Every structure is written in structure tokens, then in C-alpha cells.
């Protein structure tokens, strides 16, 4: 199983929900070769595919939401994702 490591990267998350496009900042908290954990104020539903963009590098990846749970601060959510590919 790939090892996950902590990190702190600001990303932009884009997804469609109910026919409406959503855009929300996300902080990558943990990453591995297959996915990671994001901290977000507005969490997408489980099963949704979203595009994650790094505004500094201009790189993007597509990921699927596997799970959502309350964040440690109770104001945000921790979103578990799996990279597509």
C-alpha cells in the first residue's frame, strides 16, 4: 500500500452539482500516489468527480470523492479523494 505523507498546498476544486458548477478552495492535508485528503468549507457529495487545480503551477488532476467527514475545526470538512487514471 502506498505511503501517505502530510502536506499543505492550496488548490482550487471544481465540480458540477445539480447542474450547477461549483468552485471552492481546498487545502491538501495528506497525499499519496493514489489520492489524498482535502480540507474544504463546502464539501462535494460522495461519488462526484472534480478537477483540482494548483494555481501556482497551473497543473490539474481529476479525482473522485470517496468520503466526507467533519473536520477537526468543526467548520470545514475533510474530503477523501482518489485520483482518476
Protein backbone atom coordinates (compact mmCIF):
# COMPACT_ATOMS: atom_id res chain seq x y z
CA UNK A 1 0.00 0.00 0.00
CA UNK A 2 1.45 3.43 -0.91
CA UNK A 3 2.55 5.57 1.98
CA UNK A 4 0.71 8.85 2.55
CA UNK A 5 2.53 11.97 3.65
CA UNK A 6 1.33 15.27 5.14
CA UNK A 7 1.48 18.43 3.08
CA UNK A 8 -0.04 21.87 2.85
CA UNK A 9 -0.98 23.01 -0.66
CA UNK A 10 -3.76 25.41 -1.64
CA UNK A 11 -5.86 24.08 -4.55
CA UNK A 12 -8.98 25.10 -6.43
CA UNK A 13 -11.70 22.41 -6.65
CA UNK A 14 -14.26 22.48 -9.48
CA UNK A 15 -17.27 20.15 -9.81
CA UNK A 16 -20.88 20.08 -11.01
CA UNK A 17 -23.72 19.52 -8.57
CA UNK A 18 -27.37 19.51 -9.65
CA UNK A 19 -26.44 21.06 -12.99
CA UNK A 20 -24.61 23.94 -11.32
CA UNK A 21 -20.87 24.47 -11.45
CA UNK A 22 -19.19 24.76 -8.06
CA UNK A 23 -15.79 26.24 -7.26
CA UNK A 24 -14.25 26.03 -3.80
CA UNK A 25 -10.77 26.49 -2.34
CA UNK A 26 -9.27 23.30 -0.91
CA UNK A 27 -6.21 22.65 1.23
CA UNK A 28 -4.41 19.37 0.61
CA UNK A 29 -3.69 17.88 4.03
CA UNK A 30 -2.34 14.49 3.01
CA UNK A 31 -1.31 12.89 -0.27
CA UNK A 32 -0.28 9.55 -1.71
CA UNK A 33 0.18 8.30 -5.27
CA UNK A 34 -3.49 7.21 -5.47
CA UNK A 35 -5.28 10.11 -3.70
CA UNK A 36 -5.38 12.15 -0.54
CA UNK A 37 -7.35 14.18 1.98
CA UNK A 38 -8.53 17.75 1.40
CA UNK A 39 -9.89 20.31 3.85
CA UNK A 40 -12.85 22.22 2.37
CA UNK A 41 -15.55 24.53 3.74
CA UNK A 42 -18.13 23.30 1.19
CA UNK A 43 -17.70 19.60 0.53
CA UNK A 44 -18.85 17.94 -2.68
CA UNK A 45 -21.05 14.83 -2.40
CA UNK A 46 -19.51 11.37 -2.28
CA UNK A 47 -19.05 9.92 -5.77
CA UNK A 48 -18.64 13.27 -7.53
CA UNK A 49 -15.67 13.76 -9.85
CA UNK A 50 -13.90 17.09 -9.51
CA UNK A 51 -10.97 18.86 -11.07
CA UNK A 52 -8.27 20.02 -8.69
CA UNK A 53 -6.05 22.82 -9.93
CA UNK A 54 -2.87 24.21 -8.44
CA UNK A 55 -2.98 27.95 -9.17
CA UNK A 56 0.80 28.30 -8.71
CA UNK A 57 1.89 25.53 -11.10
CA UNK A 58 -1.14 25.55 -13.41
CA UNK A 59 -1.36 21.74 -13.15
CA UNK A 60 -4.73 19.96 -12.80
CA UNK A 61 -5.89 16.44 -11.93
CA UNK A 62 -9.30 14.76 -11.82
CA UNK A 63 -10.32 12.99 -8.61
CA UNK A 64 -13.40 11.20 -7.27
CA UNK A 65 -14.77 11.91 -3.79
CA UNK A 66 -14.68 8.73 -1.68
CA UNK A 67 -15.77 10.13 1.66
CA UNK A 68 -16.58 13.27 3.63
CA UNK A 69 -16.30 13.73 7.39
CA UNK A 70 -16.34 16.74 9.75
CA UNK A 71 -13.01 18.49 10.06
CA UNK A 72 -11.20 18.84 13.36
CA UNK A 73 -12.22 22.53 13.49
CA UNK A 74 -15.94 21.62 13.01
CA UNK A 75 -16.19 24.46 10.46
CA UNK A 76 -14.86 22.53 7.49
CA UNK A 77 -14.91 19.01 6.11
CA UNK A 78 -12.18 16.51 5.39
CA UNK A 79 -12.73 15.10 1.92
CA UNK A 80 -11.06 11.82 0.95
CA UNK A 81 -10.30 11.60 -2.78
CA UNK A 82 -8.96 9.08 -5.29
CA UNK A 83 -7.14 10.30 -8.38
CA UNK A 84 -8.61 9.17 -11.69
CA UNK A 85 -6.31 7.43 -14.06
